[in-house]
Amino acid sequence: MDRRQDSTHLPPQPVYVLRGHSAQVHAVRFLRHNVRLLSGDADGWVVLWNVPIRRPVAVWRAHKGAVLGLGSWDDDRIITHGRDNRLCVWQLRQEDEGSLSATLPIEDPESERKEPWLLHSLSVNALNFCSFATCRVPVPEEITGPGSPPNHQILIAVPGVQDGHINVTSLPSEERVATIIDPKDIKTGMVMAIGLHYPDDNSLHVIAGYESGYVCIFAQSTAATKHWQAIYTHKPHTQPVLSLDVSPSAGYIYSSSADDILARHLLTPYPAMEPRIVRTKHAGQQSLSVRPDGRIFATAGWDGRVRVYSAKTMKELAVLKWHKEGVYAVAFATDQDDDAADSVDGKAVGKREMTVSEQRVRKTQETHWLAAGSKDGKVSLWDVY
């Protein structure tokens, strides 16, 4: 083979690699129109990165155990879930960043840092390494209108203490609104992955992936009885489900497992409808994330590869190889809205000429980011399609 010709087909490389954690990275999450990125590690540290300049702006130890998951309520409220059986909601506004430490765990893993303002701290189960799921509670159009305050109510779902149980809590009230019990006619084992979704009929659906390989969708039979029943139950996986993601834009739920199977389930299912199953020949796809537009999804592999798939055909489109150790978390950049397109770091820019700093922020907002967190403590940033 002509080496000169072969050199034109070099594998893709990350745009940048964030080096800051001294322990394996378990979770990543984009915030604030993608100009901020959260990463959480096995020692409980959380780092908020400024993506345009690739620098940390806030570092604190959110949990005494490993970080299991990260999320956001809105631009100023961050959700963290740890192995210390706590789920925390922190207020971290952009103007608060200057008052917090930017010293990375890899530079000083021992000293405590100032924490953001803790708004909520829930006692939750974390025995099975399953992270939380969250979704906004929709508000009927008839009770909203010009000048109405935004809806700030969200639901948080976490595994219950008993195997197969899921607890759903409403914030900010911290009221338990549902306890879902696994179907008794099948053997599910522990809950390993959770998703939440509000379909068009405005009734909550709870999605669960189990230790036995089952994926189930639960719905409330009637609002009066508050009884939950499984409306979809299938076992596409031979090993424990490791991750699932709900894609309303694609109309599907995607699940991955310790086996080599990827499965696609209808978001509004028919009980007898079989999932689409693809054998990838790559066991241990730890994390799965669907891009907000529903066109592609990515998986994080124990073999150190990040794989990108077509959401429609489920064919492998790209293999991103950089990490030498297993990849545990992937996250796509969030959707951009019209308001974000006309602003930089929350400030309107109009038609005036942008500064170099503003140009850097705008370019960051328009990039199709995919972040991957690894056992090696590093977070790679990729520009994907």
Protein backbone atom coordinates (compact mmCIF):
# COMPACT_ATOMS: atom_id res chain seq x y z
CA MET A 1 0.00 0.00 0.00
CA ASP A 2 1.22 3.51 -0.83
CA ARG A 3 1.99 5.15 2.51
CA ARG A 4 1.45 8.60 1.03
CA GLN A 5 -2.03 7.60 0.00
CA ASP A 6 -2.69 5.92 3.36
CA SER A 7 -1.70 9.10 5.22
CA THR A 8 -4.71 10.90 3.75
CA HIS A 9 -7.00 8.53 5.70
CA LEU A 10 -5.78 9.34 9.19
CA PRO A 11 -8.21 8.56 12.03
CA PRO A 12 -10.11 11.54 13.48
CA GLN A 13 -8.48 13.33 16.39
CA PRO A 14 -10.10 15.25 19.26
CA VAL A 15 -10.26 19.02 18.97
CA TYR A 16 -8.94 19.28 22.50
CA VAL A 17 -8.32 17.14 25.58
CA LEU A 18 -9.17 18.48 29.04
CA ARG A 19 -6.72 17.18 31.64
CA GLY A 20 -7.82 17.87 35.19
CA HIS A 21 -9.11 14.81 37.01
CA SER A 22 -6.87 12.44 38.97
CA ALA A 23 -9.58 9.74 38.96
CA GLN A 24 -11.69 8.16 36.23
CA VAL A 25 -14.36 10.43 34.74
CA HIS A 26 -17.86 9.01 35.18
CA ALA A 27 -20.08 11.80 33.81
CA VAL A 28 -19.98 14.78 31.43
CA ARG A 29 -22.63 17.39 30.60
CA PHE A 30 -22.80 20.57 28.47
CA LEU A 31 -24.38 23.72 29.93
CA ARG A 32 -25.24 27.32 28.99
CA HIS A 33 -25.52 26.91 25.23
CA ASN A 34 -22.38 24.75 25.26
CA VAL A 35 -19.93 27.35 26.57
CA ARG A 36 -19.62 25.34 29.79
CA LEU A 37 -18.94 21.64 30.36
CA LEU A 38 -19.33 19.71 33.60
CA SER A 39 -17.25 16.65 34.39
CA GLY A 40 -17.45 14.44 37.48
CA ASP A 41 -15.04 11.75 38.67
CA ALA A 42 -14.72 8.66 40.85
CA ASP A 43 -13.44 10.67 43.83
CA GLY A 44 -16.50 12.94 43.92
CA TRP A 45 -14.89 15.99 42.27
CA VAL A 46 -16.85 18.14 39.82
CA VAL A 47 -15.17 20.52 37.39
CA LEU A 48 -16.97 23.25 35.45
CA TRP A 49 -14.95 24.04 32.31
CA ASN A 50 -15.04 27.17 30.17
CA VAL A 51 -15.17 25.48 26.77
CA PRO A 52 -14.06 28.44 24.56
CA ILE A 53 -10.79 28.88 26.50
CA ARG A 54 -10.50 25.23 27.71
CA ARG A 55 -9.96 26.26 31.32
CA PRO A 56 -11.65 25.35 34.65
CA VAL A 57 -13.79 28.06 36.23
CA ALA A 58 -15.20 26.16 39.24
CA VAL A 59 -13.95 23.06 41.06
CA TRP A 60 -15.44 21.48 44.16
CA ARG A 61 -15.92 18.08 45.77
CA ALA A 62 -19.64 17.53 45.38
CA HIS A 63 -19.71 14.03 46.90
CA LYS A 64 -17.75 11.81 49.27
CA GLY A 65 -18.14 8.96 46.80
CA ALA A 66 -17.95 8.65 43.03
CA VAL A 67 -20.08 10.94 40.88
CA LEU A 68 -22.71 8.79 39.15
CA GLY A 69 -24.42 11.44 37.07
CA LEU A 70 -24.63 15.13 36.20
CA GLY A 71 -27.52 17.22 34.98
CA SER A 72 -29.00 20.70 34.89
CA TRP A 73 -32.26 22.25 35.99
CA ASP A 74 -31.52 25.43 34.06
CA ASP A 75 -28.46 27.55 33.26
CA ASP A 76 -27.86 28.38 36.92
CA ARG A 77 -28.79 25.14 38.70
CA ILE A 78 -26.62 22.03 38.48
CA ILE A 79 -27.62 18.51 39.58
CA THR A 80 -25.08 15.98 40.85
CA HIS A 81 -25.66 12.38 41.98
CA GLY A 82 -23.07 10.50 44.03
CA ARG A 83 -22.25 7.12 45.50
CA ASP A 84 -22.59 8.75 48.93
CA ASN A 85 -26.38 8.31 48.53
CA ARG A 86 -26.95 12.01 47.91
CA LEU A 87 -28.48 13.89 45.01
CA CYS A 88 -27.64 17.60 45.16
CA VAL A 89 -28.91 20.69 43.37
CA TRP A 90 -26.36 23.53 43.36
CA GLN A 91 -26.84 27.14 42.35
CA LEU A 92 -23.89 28.22 40.23
CA ARG A 93 -24.51 31.39 38.26
CA GLN A 94 -21.95 32.74 35.85
CA GLU A 95 -21.27 35.65 38.20
CA ASP A 96 -20.53 33.15 41.01
CA GLU A 97 -17.69 31.47 39.15
CA GLY A 98 -15.08 34.02 40.21
CA SER A 99 -15.66 33.27 43.89
CA LEU A 100 -14.96 29.54 43.52
CA SER A 101 -11.68 27.67 43.22
CA ALA A 102 -10.27 26.79 39.80
CA THR A 103 -7.59 24.47 41.22
CA LEU A 104 -8.00 21.11 39.51
CA PRO A 105 -8.07 17.79 41.40
CA ILE A 106 -4.95 16.66 39.52
CA GLU A 107 -3.11 19.68 40.97
CA ASP A 108 -4.40 19.27 44.52
CA PRO A 109 -6.57 16.21 45.27
CA GLU A 110 -6.73 16.75 49.04
CA SER A 111 -7.66 20.33 49.89
CA GLU A 112 -11.34 21.15 50.20
CA ARG A 113 -12.76 23.87 47.95
CA LYS A 114 -15.56 26.35 48.48
CA GLU A 115 -18.87 24.86 47.31
CA PRO A 116 -21.61 26.58 45.33
CA TRP A 117 -24.84 27.32 47.17
CA LEU A 118 -26.61 24.02 47.93
CA LEU A 119 -30.33 24.36 47.13
CA HIS A 120 -31.47 20.76 47.64
CA SER A 121 -29.93 17.59 49.06
CA LEU A 122 -31.95 14.39 48.66
CA SER A 123 -31.15 11.05 50.27
CA VAL A 124 -31.21 8.49 47.45
CA ASN A 125 -30.09 4.93 46.75
CA ALA A 126 -26.78 4.47 44.95
CA LEU A 127 -25.96 0.81 45.53
CA ASN A 128 -26.32 -0.20 41.88
CA PHE A 129 -24.34 2.63 40.20
CA CYS A 130 -27.52 3.79 38.43
CA SER A 131 -27.67 7.51 37.78
CA PHE A 132 -30.78 9.69 38.03
CA ALA A 133 -33.09 10.81 35.24
CA THR A 134 -34.85 14.16 35.02
CA CYS A 135 -37.45 15.95 32.94
CA ARG A 136 -39.46 19.15 33.08
CA VAL A 137 -43.12 19.07 33.98
CA PRO A 138 -45.07 20.54 31.04
CA VAL A 139 -47.40 23.46 31.69
CA PRO A 140 -50.73 23.62 29.81
CA GLU A 141 -50.79 26.49 27.31
CA GLU A 142 -54.00 27.87 28.75
CA ILE A 143 -52.29 28.78 32.01
CA THR A 144 -49.24 30.36 30.38
CA GLY A 145 -49.02 33.54 28.41
CA PRO A 146 -47.02 36.71 27.85
CA GLY A 147 -45.34 37.78 31.05
CA SER A 148 -45.93 34.47 32.80
CA PRO A 149 -43.04 33.17 34.93
CA PRO A 150 -41.15 30.19 33.50
CA ASN A 151 -42.02 26.72 34.71
CA HIS A 152 -39.39 25.62 37.21
CA GLN A 153 -40.85 22.28 38.28
CA ILE A 154 -38.87 19.18 37.38
CA LEU A 155 -39.08 15.49 38.19
CA ILE A 156 -36.15 13.41 39.43
CA ALA A 157 -36.18 9.60 39.17
CA VAL A 158 -33.74 7.39 41.09
CA PRO A 159 -33.60 3.68 42.01
CA GLY A 160 -35.48 2.72 45.16
CA VAL A 161 -33.97 0.86 48.08
CA GLN A 162 -35.68 -2.39 47.04
CA ASP A 163 -34.49 -4.14 43.89
CA GLY A 164 -36.46 -3.11 40.82
CA HIS A 165 -38.12 -0.07 42.44
CA ILE A 166 -37.94 3.49 41.10
CA ASN A 167 -38.79 6.62 43.10
CA VAL A 168 -39.90 9.84 41.37
CA THR A 169 -39.60 13.12 43.28
CA SER A 170 -40.81 16.60 42.32
CA LEU A 171 -38.59 19.64 42.76
CA PRO A 172 -38.59 22.22 44.28
CA SER A 173 -41.23 20.72 46.62
CA GLU A 174 -39.14 17.54 47.24
CA GLU A 175 -42.43 15.60 47.27
CA ARG A 176 -42.43 11.92 46.31
CA VAL A 177 -44.90 11.66 43.45
CA ALA A 178 -44.50 8.03 42.42
CA THR A 179 -42.99 4.69 43.38
CA ILE A 180 -42.79 2.26 40.47
CA ILE A 181 -42.45 -1.46 41.21
CA ASP A 182 -40.97 -3.86 38.69
CA PRO A 183 -43.35 -6.35 37.00
CA LYS A 184 -43.83 -9.44 39.14
CA ASP A 185 -44.18 -11.85 36.22
CA ILE A 186 -40.56 -11.36 35.11
CA LYS A 187 -37.21 -11.42 36.86
CA THR A 188 -35.69 -7.96 36.45
CA GLY A 189 -32.99 -7.67 39.13
CA MET A 190 -31.67 -4.23 40.04
CA VAL A 191 -32.50 -1.04 38.15
CA MET A 192 -29.44 -0.09 36.09
CA ALA A 193 -30.65 2.82 33.93
CA ILE A 194 -33.64 5.19 34.03
CA GLY A 195 -35.36 7.59 31.63
CA LEU A 196 -38.34 9.94 31.89
CA HIS A 197 -40.61 11.21 29.11
CA TYR A 198 -43.86 13.14 28.73
CA PRO A 199 -45.66 11.93 25.57
CA ASP A 200 -48.34 13.92 23.76
CA ASP A 201 -51.10 12.75 26.10
CA ASN A 202 -49.33 14.62 28.91
CA SER A 203 -48.92 11.55 31.13
CA LEU A 204 -45.50 10.67 32.46
CA HIS A 205 -43.72 7.57 31.15
CA VAL A 206 -40.91 6.02 33.21
CA ILE A 207 -38.36 3.90 31.33
CA ALA A 208 -36.17 1.38 33.14
CA GLY A 209 -33.28 -0.86 32.12
CA TYR A 210 -32.55 -3.77 34.45
CA GLU A 211 -29.77 -6.08 35.58
CA SER A 212 -31.41 -9.00 33.76
CA GLY A 213 -31.36 -7.19 30.38
CA TYR A 214 -35.03 -6.17 30.37
CA VAL A 215 -36.20 -2.73 29.24
CA CYS A 216 -39.64 -1.65 30.46
CA ILE A 217 -41.87 1.39 30.03
CA PHE A 218 -44.31 2.27 32.81
CA ALA A 219 -47.36 4.52 32.65
CA GLN A 220 -49.97 5.57 35.16
CA SER A 221 -53.21 3.67 34.58
CA THR A 222 -55.39 6.45 36.01
CA ALA A 223 -54.54 9.70 37.73
CA ALA A 224 -57.05 8.90 40.47
CA THR A 225 -55.55 5.57 41.55
CA LYS A 226 -51.91 6.50 40.92
CA HIS A 227 -51.32 2.90 39.90
CA TRP A 228 -48.39 2.28 37.55
CA GLN A 229 -48.30 -0.55 35.06
CA ALA A 230 -45.79 -1.80 32.52
CA ILE A 231 -47.03 -0.97 29.01
CA TYR A 232 -43.90 -2.37 27.35
CA THR A 233 -41.63 -5.20 28.48
CA HIS A 234 -38.86 -6.75 26.41
CA LYS A 235 -35.49 -8.36 27.03
CA PRO A 236 -33.19 -7.33 24.16
CA HIS A 237 -30.00 -7.74 26.20
CA THR A 238 -28.31 -10.85 27.60
CA GLN A 239 -26.32 -8.82 30.16
CA PRO A 240 -27.20 -5.89 32.49
CA VAL A 241 -28.38 -2.71 30.78
CA LEU A 242 -25.70 -0.07 31.25
CA SER A 243 -27.32 2.99 29.70
CA LEU A 244 -30.41 4.24 27.90
CA ASP A 245 -31.41 7.54 26.37
CA VAL A 246 -34.78 8.93 25.35
CA SER A 247 -34.99 10.79 22.03
CA PRO A 248 -38.36 12.53 21.51
CA SER A 249 -37.16 13.98 18.18
CA ALA A 250 -36.32 10.50 16.85
CA GLY A 251 -39.29 8.85 18.54
CA TYR A 252 -37.20 6.11 20.11
CA ILE A 253 -35.45 4.90 23.23
CA TYR A 254 -31.95 3.51 22.73
CA SER A 255 -30.29 1.09 25.16
CA SER A 256 -26.82 -0.41 25.56
CA SER A 257 -25.52 -3.17 27.76
CA ALA A 258 -22.54 -5.11 29.05
CA ASP A 259 -23.12 -7.37 26.03
CA ASP A 260 -22.49 -6.28 22.42
CA ILE A 261 -26.13 -5.39 21.68
CA LEU A 262 -27.65 -2.01 20.91
CA ALA A 263 -31.45 -1.88 21.00
CA ARG A 264 -33.98 0.66 19.75
CA HIS A 265 -37.47 0.78 21.28
CA LEU A 266 -40.49 2.80 20.18
CA LEU A 267 -41.03 5.75 22.50
CA THR A 268 -44.80 5.31 22.26
CA PRO A 269 -44.85 1.53 22.24
CA TYR A 270 -47.22 -1.23 21.34
CA PRO A 271 -46.85 -4.03 23.90
CA ALA A 272 -46.15 -6.67 21.25
CA MET A 273 -43.74 -4.49 19.24
CA GLU A 274 -40.27 -6.00 19.15
CA PRO A 275 -37.23 -3.72 19.58
CA ARG A 276 -34.73 -3.28 16.79
CA ILE A 277 -31.57 -5.15 17.80
CA VAL A 278 -28.06 -4.71 16.41
CA ARG A 279 -25.07 -6.84 17.41
CA THR A 280 -22.03 -4.59 17.34
CA LYS A 281 -19.35 -7.17 18.30
CA HIS A 282 -18.16 -4.65 20.90
CA ALA A 283 -19.10 -5.66 24.44
CA GLY A 284 -19.43 -3.13 27.26
CA GLN A 285 -20.85 0.08 25.80
CA GLN A 286 -21.04 1.89 29.12
CA SER A 287 -22.79 5.13 28.20
CA LEU A 288 -25.18 6.02 25.38
CA SER A 289 -26.24 9.51 24.32
CA VAL A 290 -28.53 10.63 21.48
CA ARG A 291 -27.87 14.01 19.91
CA PRO A 292 -30.79 16.42 20.52
CA ASP A 293 -31.74 16.48 16.81
CA GLY A 294 -32.23 12.71 16.93
CA ARG A 295 -30.00 12.01 13.91
CA ILE A 296 -27.06 10.24 15.54
CA PHE A 297 -26.12 8.66 18.85
CA ALA A 298 -22.82 7.77 20.47
CA THR A 299 -21.62 5.10 22.87
CA ALA A 300 -18.70 4.98 25.30
CA GLY A 301 -16.87 1.65 25.23
CA TRP A 302 -14.83 -0.28 27.74
CA ASP A 303 -12.31 -0.78 24.92
CA GLY A 304 -11.53 2.97 24.89
CA ARG A 305 -13.49 3.70 21.71
CA VAL A 306 -16.32 6.16 21.20
CA ARG A 307 -18.61 4.93 18.46
CA VAL A 308 -21.07 7.08 16.52
CA TYR A 309 -24.16 5.49 14.97
CA SER A 310 -26.99 6.58 12.71
CA ALA A 311 -30.17 6.83 14.78
CA LYS A 312 -32.26 5.82 11.76
CA THR A 313 -30.30 2.85 10.42
CA MET A 314 -28.25 2.06 13.56
CA LYS A 315 -25.20 1.62 11.33
CA GLU A 316 -21.80 2.55 12.70
CA LEU A 317 -20.67 5.87 11.19
CA ALA A 318 -17.42 6.58 13.00
CA VAL A 319 -15.03 5.19 15.60
CA LEU A 320 -13.26 7.83 17.71
CA LYS A 321 -10.07 6.36 19.12
CA TRP A 322 -7.80 8.39 21.36
CA HIS A 323 -8.13 7.16 24.95
CA LYS A 324 -5.87 4.26 25.92
CA GLU A 325 -8.27 3.13 28.66
CA GLY A 326 -12.03 2.58 28.87
CA VAL A 327 -14.45 5.41 28.12
CA TYR A 328 -17.26 5.72 30.67
CA ALA A 329 -19.30 8.77 29.64
CA VAL A 330 -20.38 10.62 26.48
CA ALA A 331 -22.48 13.75 25.98
CA PHE A 332 -23.52 15.79 22.97
CA ALA A 333 -23.78 19.56 22.89
CA THR A 334 -27.27 20.88 23.48
CA ASP A 335 -29.56 22.36 20.84
CA GLN A 336 -29.09 26.02 19.96
CA ASP A 337 -32.05 28.37 20.01
CA ASP A 338 -32.56 31.72 18.30
CA ASP A 339 -31.83 33.65 21.48
CA ALA A 340 -28.48 31.90 21.88
CA ALA A 341 -27.57 32.64 18.28
CA ASP A 342 -27.97 36.36 18.95
CA SER A 343 -26.02 36.39 22.21
CA VAL A 344 -22.59 35.56 23.55
CA ASP A 345 -22.30 34.44 27.17
CA GLY A 346 -25.85 35.67 27.67
CA LYS A 347 -25.18 39.17 26.30
CA ALA A 348 -26.84 40.46 23.13
CA VAL A 349 -24.33 41.37 20.44
CA GLY A 350 -26.67 42.56 17.69
CA LYS A 351 -24.97 43.47 14.41
CA ARG A 352 -21.88 45.13 15.90
CA GLU A 353 -18.48 43.66 15.24
CA MET A 354 -17.61 40.95 17.76
CA THR A 355 -14.44 40.95 19.79
CA VAL A 356 -11.97 38.07 19.50
CA SER A 357 -13.33 36.65 22.76
CA GLU A 358 -16.90 36.86 21.50
CA GLN A 359 -15.92 35.21 18.23
CA ARG A 360 -14.38 32.35 20.20
CA VAL A 361 -17.60 31.93 22.20
CA ARG A 362 -19.75 32.05 19.07
CA LYS A 363 -17.62 29.41 17.37
CA THR A 364 -17.95 27.22 20.47
CA GLN A 365 -21.73 27.58 20.44
CA GLU A 366 -21.94 26.56 16.79
CA THR A 367 -19.68 23.49 17.05
CA HIS A 368 -21.26 20.02 17.07
CA TRP A 369 -19.48 18.93 20.23
CA LEU A 370 -19.22 15.41 21.56
CA ALA A 371 -17.47 15.04 24.93
CA ALA A 372 -16.07 11.76 26.21
CA GLY A 373 -14.87 11.04 29.76
CA SER A 374 -12.45 8.19 30.40
CA LYS A 375 -10.87 5.97 33.01
CA ASP A 376 -7.64 7.87 32.33
CA GLY A 377 -9.10 11.00 33.98
CA LYS A 378 -9.23 12.95 30.72
CA VAL A 379 -12.13 14.43 28.76
CA SER A 380 -11.80 14.52 24.98
CA LEU A 381 -13.75 17.04 22.88
CA TRP A 382 -14.72 16.08 19.34
CA ASP A 383 -16.42 17.93 16.50
CA VAL A 384 -18.86 15.40 15.00
CA TYR A 385 -20.89 16.04 11.83
